[in-house]
Amino acid sequence: MPTTVLSDERLIANIREKDRELYGEIIRRYQTKLGHYLKKFIRSHDELEDVLQEVFIKAYRNLFDFNIDKKFSPWIYRIAHNEALNYLKKHKRQVLSLDDSELEVIDEKVNIQDAVDAHIAKATIEKCFARLKDKYREPLILYFFEQKTYDEISDILHVPAATVGVLIMRGKKVLKESLKQELYGKQPK
């Protein structure tokens, strides 16, 4: 059976039992996803690549600790999450990037004012997002940007699924108030 049709969990079992070379398929499946997730914490491309490599090394070293009866995705996201936090602690900085794309004029019909407004809005959102407490920011990133379920977020952050819902709800409220303050100068409640 081709490895591309195997579930992550079955693929891990095959890696453990038969062929460690199959780990390349895990890297192929998760490199872009985890890179996208880590980009929310690490702006430098080179540093992001280093952290991503460390994630895959740690996951490989700990494959026999992974419980095949559980989903693999939250497990490897948890490793990525921990490595991102370790990076931030080590470098004593908080970096958040929703998107690293630059403003480019590709078509003369592009409205420059709209592009500038979008850039300013993005910067404002990033600024407010960076001010959020980690307990709110992390579940919001996982839910809205990584499209993880409450159960997956629960596994990644090691909090009950019900708590994930509360953190997301409160995080959205705090973010909304912060945006209001930033845009309109109103004090958050």
Protein backbone atom coordinates (compact mmCIF):
# COMPACT_ATOMS: atom_id res chain seq x y z
CA MET A 1 0.00 0.00 0.00
CA PRO A 2 1.43 3.43 -0.91
CA THR A 3 2.46 5.50 2.11
CA THR A 4 0.48 8.50 0.88
CA VAL A 5 -2.83 6.74 1.64
CA LEU A 6 -1.86 5.55 5.12
CA SER A 7 -3.12 7.40 8.17
CA ASP A 8 -0.45 9.17 10.20
CA GLU A 9 -0.88 6.64 12.99
CA ARG A 10 -0.51 3.64 10.65
CA LEU A 11 2.52 5.27 9.04
CA ILE A 12 4.12 5.72 12.48
CA ALA A 13 3.48 2.04 13.23
CA ASN A 14 5.19 1.10 9.95
CA ILE A 15 8.14 3.35 10.75
CA ARG A 16 8.52 1.71 14.14
CA GLU A 17 8.10 -1.85 12.89
CA LYS A 18 9.63 -1.92 9.42
CA ASP A 19 11.20 1.05 7.77
CA ARG A 20 12.53 4.19 9.41
CA GLU A 21 13.02 5.72 5.96
CA LEU A 22 9.24 6.24 5.85
CA TYR A 23 9.71 9.13 8.28
CA GLY A 24 10.31 11.26 5.18
CA GLU A 25 6.58 10.98 4.49
CA ILE A 26 5.81 12.45 7.92
CA ILE A 27 8.13 15.35 7.14
CA ARG A 28 6.47 15.82 3.75
CA ARG A 29 3.01 15.87 5.36
CA TYR A 30 3.84 18.27 8.16
CA GLN A 31 6.65 20.52 6.95
CA THR A 32 4.41 23.19 5.43
CA LYS A 33 1.75 22.98 8.16
CA LEU A 34 4.20 23.23 11.03
CA GLY A 35 6.21 25.90 9.23
CA HIS A 36 3.02 27.94 8.87
CA TYR A 37 2.27 27.48 12.57
CA LEU A 38 5.81 28.39 13.69
CA LYS A 39 5.73 31.50 11.51
CA LYS A 40 3.24 32.93 14.02
CA PHE A 41 6.04 32.93 16.60
CA ILE A 42 9.29 33.23 14.63
CA ARG A 43 9.83 35.90 11.99
CA SER A 44 13.32 34.93 10.75
CA HIS A 45 13.11 32.32 8.00
CA ASP A 46 16.48 30.79 8.92
CA GLU A 47 15.59 30.55 12.60
CA LEU A 48 12.18 29.14 11.73
CA GLU A 49 13.85 26.43 9.62
CA ASP A 50 16.18 25.59 12.52
CA VAL A 51 13.27 25.27 14.94
CA LEU A 52 11.29 23.21 12.42
CA GLN A 53 14.23 20.86 11.98
CA GLU A 54 14.47 20.49 15.76
CA VAL A 55 10.75 19.63 15.87
CA PHE A 56 11.21 16.79 13.39
CA ILE A 57 14.32 15.53 15.18
CA LYS A 58 12.53 15.47 18.55
CA ALA A 59 9.48 13.81 17.04
CA TYR A 60 11.66 11.14 15.43
CA ARG A 61 13.58 10.49 18.64
CA ASN A 62 10.32 10.12 20.55
CA LEU A 63 8.29 8.07 18.05
CA PHE A 64 8.15 5.13 20.42
CA ASP A 65 6.62 7.37 23.09
CA PHE A 66 3.74 8.30 20.80
CA ASN A 67 0.51 6.45 21.63
CA ILE A 68 -0.75 4.95 18.34
CA ASP A 69 -4.31 4.96 19.72
CA LYS A 70 -4.31 8.76 19.69
CA LYS A 71 -4.10 11.23 16.81
CA PHE A 72 -0.60 12.08 15.63
CA SER A 73 -1.31 15.66 14.54
CA PRO A 74 -1.84 17.14 18.04
CA TRP A 75 1.22 15.26 19.28
CA ILE A 76 3.60 16.77 16.70
CA TYR A 77 1.93 20.19 17.03
CA ARG A 78 2.61 20.00 20.76
CA ILE A 79 6.29 19.43 20.03
CA ALA A 80 6.27 22.39 17.62
CA HIS A 81 4.46 24.52 20.19
CA ASN A 82 7.01 23.68 22.89
CA GLU A 83 9.92 24.40 20.54
CA ALA A 84 8.39 27.78 19.61
CA LEU A 85 8.05 28.68 23.30
CA ASN A 86 11.62 27.52 23.96
CA TYR A 87 12.82 29.70 21.09
CA LEU A 88 10.94 32.74 22.42
CA LYS A 89 12.30 32.21 25.94
CA LYS A 90 15.83 31.73 24.66
CA HIS A 91 15.70 34.84 22.52
CA LYS A 92 13.62 36.85 25.03
CA ARG A 93 11.30 38.15 22.41
CA GLN A 94 7.72 37.86 21.37
CA VAL A 95 7.24 37.81 17.64
CA LEU A 96 3.98 37.41 15.83
CA SER A 97 3.53 37.48 12.11
CA LEU A 98 0.16 36.81 10.58
CA ASP A 99 1.61 36.95 7.08
CA ASP A 100 5.06 37.89 5.85
CA SER A 101 3.93 38.95 2.39
CA GLU A 102 5.18 42.32 1.25
CA LEU A 103 3.12 44.99 -0.42
CA GLU A 104 3.69 44.69 -4.13
CA VAL A 105 2.08 46.52 -7.00
CA ILE A 106 1.47 43.78 -9.53
CA ASP A 107 -1.23 45.45 -11.53
CA GLU A 108 -1.57 49.13 -12.25
CA LYS A 109 -5.29 48.80 -11.48
CA VAL A 110 -4.49 47.99 -7.84
CA ASN A 111 -5.73 50.74 -5.58
CA ILE A 112 -2.65 51.87 -3.65
CA GLN A 113 -4.80 53.38 -0.89
CA ASP A 114 -6.52 50.02 -0.33
CA ALA A 115 -3.14 48.27 -0.21
CA VAL A 116 -1.81 50.79 2.33
CA ASP A 117 -5.01 50.51 4.41
CA ALA A 118 -4.70 46.71 4.38
CA HIS A 119 -1.07 46.97 5.47
CA ILE A 120 -1.97 49.33 8.33
CA ALA A 121 -4.86 47.08 9.40
CA LYS A 122 -2.57 44.04 9.37
CA ALA A 123 0.02 45.87 11.48
CA THR A 124 -2.69 46.96 13.94
CA ILE A 125 -4.04 43.43 14.26
CA GLU A 126 -0.53 42.03 14.76
CA LYS A 127 0.17 44.64 17.44
CA CYS A 128 -3.05 43.82 19.32
CA PHE A 129 -2.52 40.09 18.86
CA ALA A 130 1.01 40.35 20.26
CA ARG A 131 -0.38 42.09 23.37
CA LEU A 132 -2.68 39.16 24.15
CA LYS A 133 -1.68 36.92 27.01
CA ASP A 134 -0.24 33.61 25.80
CA LYS A 135 -3.18 31.73 27.32
CA TYR A 136 -5.47 33.50 24.81
CA ARG A 137 -3.12 33.95 21.86
CA GLU A 138 -2.10 30.29 21.58
CA PRO A 139 -5.61 28.81 21.31
CA LEU A 140 -6.66 31.59 18.90
CA ILE A 141 -3.71 30.84 16.61
CA LEU A 142 -4.42 27.11 16.68
CA TYR A 143 -8.14 27.55 16.09
CA PHE A 144 -8.28 30.33 13.53
CA PHE A 145 -4.96 30.05 11.70
CA GLU A 146 -4.21 26.33 12.03
CA GLN A 147 -7.88 25.25 11.95
CA LYS A 148 -7.49 22.79 14.80
CA THR A 149 -10.51 21.43 16.64
CA TYR A 150 -11.09 22.07 20.33
CA ASP A 151 -10.02 18.47 21.06
CA GLU A 152 -6.80 18.88 19.09
CA ILE A 153 -6.05 22.19 20.81
CA SER A 154 -6.78 20.49 24.13
CA ASP A 155 -4.15 17.85 23.33
CA ILE A 156 -1.61 20.42 22.13
CA LEU A 157 -1.97 22.82 25.06
CA HIS A 158 -2.77 20.18 27.71
CA VAL A 159 -5.99 21.86 28.86
CA PRO A 160 -9.55 20.46 28.88
CA ALA A 161 -11.53 20.97 25.65
CA ALA A 162 -14.14 23.02 27.55
CA THR A 163 -11.36 25.34 28.70
CA VAL A 164 -10.24 25.77 25.09
CA GLY A 165 -13.69 27.12 24.22
CA VAL A 166 -13.60 29.55 27.13
CA LEU A 167 -10.08 30.73 26.24
CA ILE A 168 -11.04 31.31 22.62
CA MET A 169 -14.19 33.20 23.60
CA ARG A 170 -12.33 35.37 26.11
CA GLY A 171 -9.38 35.85 23.76
CA LYS A 172 -11.69 37.11 21.02
CA LYS A 173 -13.28 39.53 23.48
CA VAL A 174 -9.92 40.85 24.69
CA LEU A 175 -8.66 41.15 21.10
CA LYS A 176 -11.81 43.02 20.06
CA GLU A 177 -11.44 45.47 22.96
CA SER A 178 -7.75 45.96 22.17
CA LEU A 179 -8.58 46.67 18.53
CA LYS A 180 -11.26 49.18 19.57
CA GLN A 181 -8.75 50.94 21.79
CA GLU A 182 -6.11 50.95 19.07
CA LEU A 183 -8.45 52.15 16.32
CA TYR A 184 -10.75 54.49 18.19
CA GLY A 185 -8.80 55.36 21.32
CA LYS A 186 -11.42 53.82 23.60
CA GLN A 187 -10.27 52.24 26.82
CA PRO A 188 -10.93 48.48 27.06
CA LYS A 189 -13.36 47.40 29.78
